[in-house]
Structure formats: structure tokens, C-alpha cells
Amino acid sequence: MAKNPAPFFLNGLASISFQVIVLTFILFIIALLLLILRNKNHQIDFDSITGLPNFDHFKKNVSKILSTAKPKEYMILSFNIDNLSLINETYGTRVGNEVLKRVGKHFAKQCSKNEYVLRFFADNFIFFTKNPDFFWNVEERVFIMTTVKEILKDILPERYNFTFTTSAYYIDNPADSIDSMIDKANLAQKLCRHTYATHRVIEYTEEMRNSHEWDREITLTMENAFLNKEFEVFYQPKFNFSNEQVMGAEALIRWNNPRKGLLQPGKFVPLFEDNGFIEKIDKFVFQKVCIFLDSWNKLKESRKLTPLTISFNLSRCHLYNPNLIRELRDIAAQYDIGENKIEVELTESIMFDNHQRLIKVMKEIKNAGFSISVDDFGSGYSSLNLLKSMPADVIKLDKEFLSVTPENQKENIIISSVIEMAKKLKIKTVAEGVETKDQCEMLRKIGCDIAQGFYYAKPMHEKNFLLLLSESAQKVPV
């Protein structure tokens, strides 16, 4: 009897169906893996928030263009969103990320041929483009690129002032690394963060590079310089206008750098104020003043002159040091100051930091036995108003404010009024920057108490100041 072929056919059909299913499943797995791999590669190659190509893509494309470029044919623009952290804190990171996404998309639309953009980090976008013929074309391009209010109007309040800080680096060396180019563009923003810019774009300059390298060199060498005793104190004598006798001096810091020579404070003090090293320098100067007065008191000539008043500058950094007064007292207690006075100089600009804190510290300084001088008086806008609350003993008229000639009647009237008012408040006045005989005669005539400037004496080494004092003592009648 013949066998029925149906079971064999069905078995074969089932086997084929199973193979098809297995093959389909395998193809599905492969497709899924490819999709995952593609998404993974996309995550690696593109910014997860903005969707812009990452730094590797940017570098590859830019390097290709720059391989045949001329110096300054192309440029890097750096855009920083101002106060994105405030948006995150106020409206949440979801809104902040949405801002980044929309700004990134907006920048991408601005790209023409051979132009590339990426989000370099946080709120910093980098744009590579050709250098236009005129700087104003850059300004106009940046204006268009940073006009984003319309695309953000539905996620930020209508009155929110959304702004960017923008800087530019004109690529003078196309063979340089892309990282270095971006660093230079961003450095321009960092160095000009607190300055008023007249243009929409801050340009990286050679002066910025030199300044940055100098600041870096100072930062790396300042501690060793202190240990190697490279810092020195100079003294600029002060004279009584009434009898033209030396009545004291201002102690000024100098850096005797082995490679650069004798450096003026303007070369290093601003950076020391930023990095906090100025606190060590100020205490060093104060201690040197104490040592000087101790040495002066041991000389017989000291008995012939009236007690000296030596002033030194105190940085704003100290105002928030709760141990300031104790530290000054501890240093001074080690030396014989005698009847001489130490005068603490505070710049008028400090008054605007924390007025109440300043007045409190000034009173503590006076209670500790030191005098107080306000330096650069007249450089600020609230000078006269501050006098009513400042427990100051002396005001030093700002040298720019004093750049007068006898013929300038308006300035003479202003200076005369300040000096007259100071006398009524029992505050002495020092004219800083006296450089001519005419200035000297004018200031003496209107009643200024003390002169300091090149007309009388330049800042000098301690030994020369001691010699000057000894010569002055010898002229005093017995």
C-alpha cells in the first residue's frame, strides 16, 4: 500500500517556515544591533543636547580647510550665553537645555559652506568662518547670530534680556592646534570680562597674550620670589608744606626680579589682589615699616625730628579677615614704634564694596592705635558724601585730580573747597603727585598740609631714606 506524501510535505513546509522565522529573527536582531550601534555612534559623534557635531567632527573639518589656508584668512568666534546658570536655577535645567538646543539649531542654520559650529562646553559655542574684509562685517554677522529672542519667546519671559558675550580670534597660524585657537578666542573673554567693550566682539590681541603669559609667570614665581627676598620696600618721603621738613613717608612695594629688574607695583599688585597673594605682601610691608621705625628710634638723630608717620597700603582683601586687627597688633608689638605713627592707607574705591563693613574695620583699626588715610580721594563719585561717616585722619587727593596748572581756576576752586572742608572736619590733606614748583606754590597757598611727589623726592631705598632723615635732623637748630 502506497504511503501518503502529505505528512512529508507538511513536515518539509514546517521546516522551511521555521527556518524563515529563525532567519527573520536573526535579521531583526542584526537590524536592531545596527540601529543601536548607529544611535550609539550618533551619541558619540553628536552633542546629546544640541544635536550639533562634536569636537572631533569640528576639528576634522576645520583642519582640512586650514591645511591650505593663509594667515588670518579664517577666524574663530566664541559665543558665551550670559547667565545660563541663572536660567537653570530660576526655570529649571529642562528649560536651560531647551535654550541650548534652540540656540544650537539657530547657529547651525547660520552656517554656510566651509563654516562649522559646535557646543564646545556648557554654554560656550564655537563658530568657524572666513575672515571678512572689514571688522564691521564681523559685528553685523554676530548681531544676526545673537538675535535669538524670537526663537526663545515661548520659554522665557518677554522682558528677559537674553545676551551673549562674543570674542574673536583671527587665525594667524593655520598650522596651530584647533584647541589652541579656541583657547585664544575664549581667553579674550576671560581677560576682558570686567571691562567695558565699545564693540560687540572682543578681539584676541598680541597684548592679551603677553599679559596672560606675564600673569602666568608671576603666579608661578611669586612664592619663590618671596622666599628669595626679592620683594623690597621703598619709601617716598612726605613733607610739611609749612616748613618743608620731612614728616614721614609712604611705604611702597617693589619686586627686584633677577630677570626683569626692579618692577613697579602696577606690574604685579593687580594680579596679587586677584589671587590673594597681596595679603602676604601687605603684612610684609607692614612688618618692614615696624622694623624701620624701631631702627630709627635707636638713632640719636631721631630725637631732633618730630615723630614720623609712615603709611602703607592695605588691600580690600583684608577687610574680610576677622583676625586682621590681632595680626597687625601682634606684628607691631614685636618692635619699638615709639611716638611714631603707622598710617593705614585704604583706596577710595574700597568704599563701594561694603560700606558698613568698611566703617566697622576702620574703627577697629583706629582703636588698635593706627591712623587711617583714604588714598586716591576724588577718584570716586561719592567722595564728599563718604566723609561724613568715614573715621579718617587723612585724605590723599587723587593725583589725576591734582593735574592742575595755576591758571586753571575751576580746578583750583574745587581743590580749595575740599581742603577747606577737610580742615573743618579736622582731617589732614596730602597732595600726591606734586611735580612742579607752580603746583607746590598753589597747594601751599590754599592750605594743603602735606606734599608727596617727585618735586620733593622720588621713592627711595630704605638706606637712602634714613640718610635723608639724618640730613634733615642735622639742619634742625640745637
Protein backbone atom coordinates (compact mmCIF):
# COMPACT_ATOMS: atom_id res chain seq x y z
CA MET A 1 0.00 0.00 0.00
CA ALA A 2 1.43 3.46 -1.02
CA LYS A 3 2.41 5.91 1.66
CA ASN A 4 0.56 9.22 1.96
CA PRO A 5 3.03 12.07 0.87
CA ALA A 6 1.11 14.74 2.85
CA PRO A 7 2.97 14.35 6.18
CA PHE A 8 6.32 14.60 4.41
CA PHE A 9 5.15 17.73 2.60
CA LEU A 10 3.82 19.26 5.77
CA ASN A 11 7.00 18.41 7.67
CA GLY A 12 9.08 19.99 4.93
CA LEU A 13 6.87 23.08 4.90
CA ALA A 14 7.12 23.41 8.68
CA SER A 15 10.89 23.07 8.49
CA ILE A 16 11.07 25.83 5.85
CA SER A 17 8.73 28.08 7.90
CA PHE A 18 10.88 27.54 10.98
CA GLN A 19 13.99 28.45 9.00
CA VAL A 20 12.27 31.58 7.69
CA ILE A 21 11.28 32.55 11.23
CA VAL A 22 14.80 31.96 12.51
CA LEU A 23 16.27 33.92 9.60
CA THR A 24 13.79 36.74 10.13
CA PHE A 25 14.62 36.80 13.82
CA ILE A 26 18.34 36.90 13.05
CA LEU A 27 17.82 39.72 10.55
CA PHE A 28 15.72 41.56 13.14
CA ILE A 29 18.46 41.19 15.75
CA ILE A 30 21.08 42.40 13.26
CA ALA A 31 18.91 45.38 12.32
CA LEU A 32 18.31 46.16 15.98
CA LEU A 33 22.04 45.95 16.75
CA LEU A 34 22.82 48.17 13.78
CA LEU A 35 20.23 50.68 14.97
CA ILE A 36 21.65 50.62 18.50
CA LEU A 37 25.17 50.95 17.13
CA ARG A 38 24.07 53.82 14.90
CA ASN A 39 22.41 55.59 17.83
CA LYS A 40 25.48 54.92 19.95
CA ASN A 41 27.73 56.35 17.27
CA HIS A 42 25.41 59.33 16.94
CA GLN A 43 25.64 59.91 20.67
CA ILE A 44 29.42 59.72 20.42
CA ASP A 45 29.66 61.89 17.30
CA PHE A 46 26.98 64.46 18.18
CA ASP A 47 26.15 66.61 21.20
CA SER A 48 23.29 65.00 23.10
CA ILE A 49 21.60 68.33 23.90
CA THR A 50 22.01 70.42 20.75
CA GLY A 51 22.48 67.68 18.16
CA LEU A 52 25.48 69.56 16.76
CA PRO A 53 28.53 67.57 15.58
CA ASN A 54 31.11 67.02 18.32
CA PHE A 55 34.64 68.38 18.60
CA ASP A 56 36.22 65.52 16.59
CA HIS A 57 33.95 66.29 13.62
CA PHE A 58 34.59 70.01 14.01
CA LYS A 59 38.35 69.54 14.24
CA LYS A 60 38.45 67.22 11.22
CA ASN A 61 36.50 69.63 9.01
CA VAL A 62 38.32 72.76 10.16
CA SER A 63 41.77 71.16 9.89
CA LYS A 64 41.06 70.17 6.29
CA ILE A 65 40.25 73.79 5.39
CA LEU A 66 43.16 75.26 7.30
CA SER A 67 45.66 72.90 5.65
CA THR A 68 45.67 75.23 2.61
CA ALA A 69 44.68 78.48 4.35
CA LYS A 70 46.66 81.73 4.58
CA PRO A 71 47.33 83.53 7.89
CA LYS A 72 44.23 85.39 9.12
CA GLU A 73 42.13 84.08 6.22
CA TYR A 74 39.80 82.41 8.74
CA MET A 75 38.66 83.15 12.27
CA ILE A 76 37.16 81.57 15.36
CA LEU A 77 34.15 83.18 17.02
CA SER A 78 33.31 82.22 20.59
CA PHE A 79 29.78 82.78 21.90
CA ASN A 80 29.03 82.51 25.60
CA ILE A 81 25.44 82.67 26.79
CA ASP A 82 25.27 85.16 29.64
CA ASN A 83 23.68 83.92 32.86
CA LEU A 84 22.61 80.47 31.68
CA SER A 85 23.12 79.31 35.26
CA LEU A 86 20.50 81.85 36.32
CA ILE A 87 18.05 80.38 33.79
CA ASN A 88 18.75 76.88 35.13
CA GLU A 89 18.25 77.99 38.73
CA THR A 90 15.11 80.02 38.00
CA TYR A 91 13.30 77.98 35.38
CA GLY A 92 14.94 74.57 35.72
CA THR A 93 17.55 72.66 33.74
CA ARG A 94 14.90 71.41 31.30
CA VAL A 95 14.35 75.00 30.13
CA GLY A 96 18.10 75.60 30.15
CA ASN A 97 18.69 72.56 27.93
CA GLU A 98 15.91 73.67 25.62
CA VAL A 99 17.61 77.07 25.32
CA LEU A 100 20.87 75.35 24.36
CA LYS A 101 19.08 73.16 21.85
CA ARG A 102 17.36 76.07 20.12
CA VAL A 103 20.45 78.27 20.12
CA GLY A 104 22.45 75.38 18.64
CA LYS A 105 19.85 74.83 15.93
CA HIS A 106 19.82 78.57 15.21
CA PHE A 107 23.62 78.66 14.88
CA ALA A 108 23.58 75.59 12.61
CA LYS A 109 21.19 77.40 10.24
CA GLN A 110 23.68 80.27 10.05
CA CYS A 111 26.40 78.01 8.65
CA SER A 112 27.24 78.44 5.00
CA LYS A 113 29.77 76.44 3.01
CA ASN A 114 33.04 75.88 4.91
CA GLU A 115 31.52 77.17 8.16
CA TYR A 116 31.15 74.95 11.21
CA VAL A 117 29.73 75.30 14.70
CA LEU A 118 29.82 73.20 17.86
CA ARG A 119 28.91 73.49 21.52
CA PHE A 120 32.40 73.35 23.00
CA PHE A 121 31.30 73.10 26.64
CA ALA A 122 28.42 74.22 28.87
CA ASP A 123 27.08 77.46 27.34
CA ASN A 124 30.06 78.07 25.04
CA PHE A 125 29.55 77.78 21.26
CA ILE A 126 32.43 77.92 18.78
CA PHE A 127 31.91 79.11 15.21
CA PHE A 128 34.49 78.75 12.42
CA THR A 129 34.18 81.09 9.46
CA LYS A 130 36.15 83.04 6.87
CA ASN A 131 37.54 86.39 7.94
CA PRO A 132 35.52 89.13 6.18
CA ASP A 133 37.18 92.14 4.64
CA PHE A 134 36.00 94.58 7.30
CA PHE A 135 35.65 94.27 11.07
CA TRP A 136 32.17 95.77 10.92
CA ASN A 137 31.08 92.82 8.81
CA VAL A 138 32.02 90.62 11.78
CA GLU A 139 29.99 92.87 14.06
CA GLU A 140 27.00 92.62 11.74
CA ARG A 141 27.32 88.84 11.48
CA VAL A 142 27.50 88.49 15.25
CA PHE A 143 24.46 90.74 15.64
CA ILE A 144 22.44 88.46 13.38
CA MET A 145 23.67 85.30 15.08
CA THR A 146 22.92 86.57 18.58
CA THR A 147 19.44 87.83 17.76
CA VAL A 148 17.57 84.87 19.23
CA LYS A 149 14.75 86.47 21.19
CA GLU A 150 12.11 85.30 18.72
CA ILE A 151 13.07 81.61 18.97
CA LEU A 152 13.04 81.72 22.79
CA LYS A 153 9.93 83.83 23.37
CA ASP A 154 7.71 80.88 24.32
CA ILE A 155 10.06 79.52 27.03
CA LEU A 156 11.47 82.73 28.59
CA PRO A 157 9.61 85.77 29.97
CA GLU A 158 9.01 88.52 27.43
CA ARG A 159 11.21 91.02 29.27
CA TYR A 160 14.10 88.64 29.83
CA ASN A 161 17.23 90.19 28.33
CA PHE A 162 18.95 87.24 26.68
CA THR A 163 22.51 88.19 25.76
CA PHE A 164 25.83 86.73 24.64
CA THR A 165 29.46 87.63 25.23
CA THR A 166 31.36 87.18 21.98
CA SER A 167 35.06 87.12 21.19
CA ALA A 168 37.12 86.55 18.07
CA TYR A 169 40.49 85.08 17.22
CA TYR A 170 41.88 85.73 13.75
CA ILE A 171 43.86 82.60 12.93
CA ASP A 172 47.37 83.91 12.26
CA ASN A 173 48.92 80.44 12.26
CA PRO A 174 46.74 77.89 10.41
CA ALA A 175 49.14 75.10 11.45
CA ASP A 176 48.41 75.69 15.13
CA SER A 177 46.19 73.24 17.02
CA ILE A 178 42.43 73.78 16.95
CA ASP A 179 42.38 73.57 20.75
CA SER A 180 44.84 76.46 20.98
CA MET A 181 42.77 78.57 18.59
CA ILE A 182 39.63 78.06 20.67
CA ASP A 183 41.57 78.77 23.86
CA LYS A 184 42.70 82.12 22.46
CA ALA A 185 39.18 83.10 21.48
CA ASN A 186 37.89 82.19 24.94
CA LEU A 187 40.85 83.87 26.67
CA ALA A 188 39.83 87.21 25.17
CA GLN A 189 36.50 86.94 27.01
CA LYS A 190 38.18 85.96 30.25
CA LEU A 191 40.66 88.83 30.21
CA CYS A 192 38.03 91.42 29.28
CA ARG A 193 35.22 90.12 31.47
CA HIS A 194 35.13 93.19 33.73
CA THR A 195 35.90 95.84 31.14
CA TYR A 196 33.55 97.98 29.11
CA ALA A 197 33.74 97.00 25.44
CA THR A 198 32.93 99.57 22.75
CA HIS A 199 32.38 96.80 20.18
CA ARG A 200 30.06 93.83 20.09
CA VAL A 201 33.04 91.48 19.66
CA ILE A 202 36.13 91.24 21.89
CA GLU A 203 39.18 90.62 19.73
CA TYR A 204 42.11 88.49 20.91
CA THR A 205 45.29 90.54 20.60
CA GLU A 206 49.02 90.02 20.99
CA GLU A 207 48.90 92.33 24.03
CA MET A 208 46.41 89.95 25.65
CA ARG A 209 48.73 87.03 25.01
CA ASN A 210 51.69 88.87 26.52
CA SER A 211 49.62 89.95 29.51
CA HIS A 212 48.35 86.43 30.08
CA GLU A 213 51.86 84.95 29.85
CA TRP A 214 53.15 87.60 32.25
CA ASP A 215 50.37 86.83 34.74
CA ARG A 216 51.16 83.14 34.44
CA GLU A 217 54.85 83.77 35.05
CA ILE A 218 54.10 85.91 38.11
CA THR A 219 51.76 83.29 39.55
CA LEU A 220 54.34 80.53 39.15
CA THR A 221 57.24 82.53 40.62
CA MET A 222 55.73 84.75 43.34
CA GLU A 223 56.12 82.27 46.21
CA ASN A 224 59.76 81.56 45.41
CA ALA A 225 60.37 85.27 44.94
CA PHE A 226 59.05 85.89 48.44
CA LEU A 227 61.26 83.14 49.90
CA ASN A 228 64.27 84.53 47.99
CA LYS A 229 63.62 88.01 49.43
CA GLU A 230 63.14 89.62 46.03
CA PHE A 231 60.45 91.95 47.37
CA GLU A 232 61.71 95.23 48.78
CA VAL A 233 60.13 98.21 50.48
CA PHE A 234 60.85 101.69 49.17
CA TYR A 235 59.88 104.92 50.90
CA GLN A 236 58.55 108.07 49.25
CA PRO A 237 59.06 110.96 51.70
CA LYS A 238 56.27 113.32 52.68
CA PHE A 239 56.94 116.95 53.55
CA ASN A 240 55.10 119.52 55.62
CA PHE A 241 54.05 122.37 53.36
CA SER A 242 54.51 124.81 56.25
CA ASN A 243 58.25 124.26 56.85
CA GLU A 244 59.17 121.76 54.09
CA GLN A 245 60.56 119.33 56.64
CA VAL A 246 60.23 115.56 56.28
CA MET A 247 57.32 114.37 58.38
CA GLY A 248 57.12 110.77 57.18
CA ALA A 249 56.77 108.64 54.09
CA GLU A 250 54.65 106.15 52.20
CA ALA A 251 55.98 102.58 52.15
CA LEU A 252 55.80 101.15 48.64
CA ILE A 253 56.43 97.59 47.48
CA ARG A 254 58.93 96.80 44.70
CA TRP A 255 59.89 93.47 43.15
CA ASN A 256 63.60 93.12 42.41
CA ASN A 257 63.21 90.43 39.78
CA PRO A 258 66.53 88.78 38.76
CA ARG A 259 65.50 88.68 35.08
CA LYS A 260 63.21 91.71 34.73
CA GLY A 261 64.92 94.13 37.10
CA LEU A 262 63.11 96.39 39.57
CA LEU A 263 59.37 96.08 38.92
CA GLN A 264 56.84 98.77 39.78
CA PRO A 265 53.72 97.66 41.72
CA GLY A 266 51.47 98.16 38.70
CA LYS A 267 53.20 95.17 37.10
CA PHE A 268 52.21 92.68 39.80
CA VAL A 269 49.96 94.12 42.52
CA PRO A 270 46.68 93.88 40.48
CA LEU A 271 47.27 90.14 39.97
CA PHE A 272 48.21 89.70 43.64
CA GLU A 273 44.90 91.31 44.56
CA ASP A 274 43.08 88.81 42.34
CA ASN A 275 44.86 85.69 43.61
CA GLY A 276 45.06 86.72 47.29
CA PHE A 277 48.86 86.89 47.48
CA ILE A 278 48.54 90.60 48.29
CA GLU A 279 47.64 89.68 51.89
CA LYS A 280 51.12 88.26 52.43
CA ILE A 281 52.70 91.27 50.70
CA ASP A 282 50.77 93.81 52.77
CA LYS A 283 51.80 92.14 56.03
CA PHE A 284 55.38 92.01 54.77
CA VAL A 285 55.34 95.77 54.10
CA PHE A 286 53.74 96.46 57.48
CA GLN A 287 56.41 94.45 59.27
CA LYS A 288 59.17 96.25 57.34
CA VAL A 289 57.69 99.58 58.41
CA CYS A 290 57.72 98.45 62.05
CA ILE A 291 61.35 97.31 61.73
CA PHE A 292 62.31 100.63 60.12
CA LEU A 293 60.72 102.71 62.89
CA ASP A 294 62.38 100.51 65.51
CA SER A 295 65.77 101.12 63.86
CA TRP A 296 65.11 104.86 63.51
CA ASN A 297 64.26 105.18 67.19
CA LYS A 298 67.66 103.76 68.11
CA LEU A 299 69.47 106.57 66.26
CA LYS A 300 70.23 109.77 68.15
CA GLU A 301 69.09 111.85 65.13
CA SER A 302 65.54 110.64 65.73
CA ARG A 303 65.29 112.88 68.81
CA LYS A 304 65.80 116.01 66.72
CA LEU A 305 62.84 115.43 64.39
CA THR A 306 59.17 115.29 65.22
CA PRO A 307 57.75 111.73 65.30
CA LEU A 308 57.38 110.22 61.84
CA THR A 309 54.20 108.97 60.21
CA ILE A 310 54.76 106.04 57.86
CA SER A 311 51.81 104.89 55.76
CA PHE A 312 51.31 101.58 53.97
CA ASN A 313 48.58 100.30 51.69
CA LEU A 314 46.05 97.76 52.87
CA SER A 315 44.21 95.80 50.19
CA ARG A 316 40.48 95.23 50.23
CA CYS A 317 41.17 91.51 50.72
CA HIS A 318 41.94 92.18 54.38
CA LEU A 319 38.55 93.71 55.11
CA TYR A 320 37.03 90.25 55.38
CA ASN A 321 39.79 88.84 57.56
CA PRO A 322 38.37 88.54 61.11
CA ASN A 323 41.91 88.28 62.50
CA LEU A 324 43.21 91.43 60.80
CA ILE A 325 43.47 93.67 63.86
CA ARG A 326 45.01 90.95 66.03
CA GLU A 327 47.59 90.19 63.34
CA LEU A 328 48.58 93.85 62.99
CA ARG A 329 48.84 94.24 66.75
CA ASP A 330 50.93 91.08 67.10
CA ILE A 331 53.39 92.28 64.46
CA ALA A 332 53.66 95.81 65.87
CA ALA A 333 54.12 94.51 69.44
CA GLN A 334 57.45 92.95 68.44
CA TYR A 335 59.01 96.34 67.76
CA ASP A 336 59.55 99.71 69.43
CA ILE A 337 57.39 102.09 67.40
CA GLY A 338 57.76 104.85 70.00
CA GLU A 339 55.77 108.01 69.40
CA ASN A 340 55.87 107.47 65.65
CA LYS A 341 52.66 106.61 63.87
CA ILE A 342 51.73 103.94 61.37
CA GLU A 343 49.06 105.03 58.92
CA VAL A 344 46.86 102.50 57.13
CA GLU A 345 46.01 103.61 53.60
CA LEU A 346 42.74 102.44 52.05
CA THR A 347 41.84 103.34 48.47
CA GLU A 348 38.61 105.21 47.97
CA SER A 349 37.36 102.50 45.58
CA ILE A 350 37.09 100.12 48.56
CA MET A 351 34.26 102.29 49.87
CA PHE A 352 31.89 100.84 47.31
CA ASP A 353 32.47 97.19 48.18
CA ASN A 354 30.74 97.01 51.54
CA HIS A 355 30.33 100.41 53.14
CA GLN A 356 29.14 99.22 56.55
CA ARG A 357 31.85 96.57 56.82
CA LEU A 358 34.48 99.12 55.87
CA ILE A 359 33.42 101.64 58.52
CA LYS A 360 33.48 98.89 61.14
CA VAL A 361 37.03 97.82 60.15
CA MET A 362 38.21 101.45 60.07
CA LYS A 363 37.01 101.99 63.62
CA GLU A 364 38.75 98.81 64.74
CA ILE A 365 41.99 99.96 63.09
CA LYS A 366 41.80 103.31 64.90
CA ASN A 367 41.02 101.64 68.22
CA ALA A 368 44.14 99.50 67.72
CA GLY A 369 46.26 102.68 67.68
CA PHE A 370 46.79 103.19 63.95
CA SER A 371 45.84 106.20 61.84
CA ILE A 372 43.74 105.94 58.69
CA SER A 373 44.31 107.57 55.31
CA VAL A 374 41.97 107.46 52.32
CA ASP A 375 44.03 107.20 49.13
CA ASP A 376 43.01 108.50 45.68
CA PHE A 377 40.40 110.78 47.21
CA GLY A 378 38.43 112.44 44.43
CA SER A 379 38.56 109.50 42.02
CA GLY A 380 35.09 108.25 43.00
CA TYR A 381 31.64 109.75 42.71
CA SER A 382 30.63 109.67 46.37
CA SER A 383 33.79 111.10 47.93
CA LEU A 384 32.20 114.03 49.70
CA ASN A 385 29.25 112.01 50.95
CA LEU A 386 31.57 109.37 52.41
CA LEU A 387 33.48 111.88 54.52
CA LYS A 388 30.59 112.27 56.95
CA SER A 389 30.83 108.62 58.05
CA MET A 390 34.49 107.72 57.48
CA PRO A 391 36.65 107.86 60.65
CA ALA A 392 39.60 109.02 58.53
CA ASP A 393 42.57 111.05 59.79
CA VAL A 394 43.97 111.91 56.36
CA ILE A 395 42.75 112.17 52.78
CA LYS A 396 45.17 111.94 49.87
CA LEU A 397 43.98 113.96 46.91
CA ASP A 398 43.96 111.85 43.76
CA LYS A 399 46.97 112.70 41.58
CA GLU A 400 44.85 112.81 38.44
CA PHE A 401 42.52 115.18 40.26
CA LEU A 402 45.62 117.26 41.06
CA SER A 403 46.90 117.56 37.50
CA VAL A 404 46.36 121.29 37.51
CA THR A 405 48.10 124.45 36.50
CA PRO A 406 47.81 127.71 38.44
CA GLU A 407 45.78 129.15 35.57
CA ASN A 408 43.03 126.55 35.88
CA GLN A 409 40.71 128.44 38.21
CA LYS A 410 37.87 125.89 38.24
CA GLU A 411 40.08 123.06 39.44
CA ASN A 412 41.75 125.34 41.97
CA ILE A 413 38.35 126.26 43.39
CA ILE A 414 37.37 122.57 43.72
CA ILE A 415 40.64 121.62 45.45
CA SER A 416 40.39 124.64 47.74
CA SER A 417 36.86 123.64 48.74
CA VAL A 418 37.89 120.06 49.51
CA ILE A 419 40.84 121.21 51.62
CA GLU A 420 38.73 123.76 53.48
CA MET A 421 36.06 121.18 54.21
CA ALA A 422 38.69 118.67 55.41
CA LYS A 423 40.10 121.27 57.83
CA LYS A 424 36.66 121.84 59.33
CA LEU A 425 36.35 118.07 59.79
CA LYS A 426 39.83 118.00 61.39
CA ILE A 427 41.16 115.81 58.57
CA LYS A 428 44.65 116.43 57.19
CA THR A 429 45.21 116.62 53.44
CA VAL A 430 48.06 115.15 51.41
CA ALA A 431 48.74 116.28 47.85
CA GLU A 432 50.04 113.24 45.99
CA GLY A 433 51.89 113.63 42.71
CA VAL A 434 53.32 117.12 43.24
CA GLU A 435 55.74 117.53 40.35
CA THR A 436 56.21 121.25 39.71
CA LYS A 437 57.03 124.39 41.66
CA ASP A 438 53.81 126.02 40.44
CA GLN A 439 51.73 123.15 41.81
CA CYS A 440 53.62 123.34 45.08
CA GLU A 441 53.02 127.09 45.49
CA MET A 442 49.34 126.78 44.61
CA LEU A 443 48.76 123.93 47.09
CA ARG A 444 50.63 125.70 49.87
CA LYS A 445 48.62 128.86 49.24
CA ILE A 446 45.25 127.11 49.52
CA GLY A 447 46.23 125.39 52.77
CA CYS A 448 47.17 121.79 51.89
CA ASP A 449 49.03 120.19 54.80
CA ILE A 450 51.42 117.64 53.29
CA ALA A 451 53.21 117.21 49.95
CA GLN A 452 54.28 113.98 48.30
CA GLY A 453 55.71 113.80 44.81
CA PHE A 454 58.72 113.93 42.50
CA TYR A 455 59.16 117.66 43.06
CA TYR A 456 60.36 116.84 46.57
CA ALA A 457 61.60 113.25 46.33
CA LYS A 458 61.10 110.02 44.40
CA PRO A 459 60.52 106.66 46.12
CA MET A 460 63.87 105.54 47.54
CA HIS A 461 65.54 102.59 49.19
CA GLU A 462 65.39 102.37 52.98
CA LYS A 463 69.06 103.31 53.43
CA ASN A 464 68.59 106.46 51.32
CA PHE A 465 65.51 107.45 53.30
CA LEU A 466 67.48 107.04 56.53
CA LEU A 467 70.20 109.27 55.06
CA LEU A 468 67.59 111.89 54.14
CA LEU A 469 66.19 111.84 57.67
CA SER A 470 69.68 112.19 59.17
CA GLU A 471 70.44 115.16 56.92
CA SER A 472 67.14 116.79 57.90
CA ALA A 473 67.94 116.26 61.59
CA GLN A 474 71.32 117.96 61.19
CA LYS A 475 69.61 121.07 59.81
CA VAL A 476 67.44 121.43 62.90
CA PRO A 477 68.81 124.19 65.21
CA VAL A 478 70.13 122.92 68.53
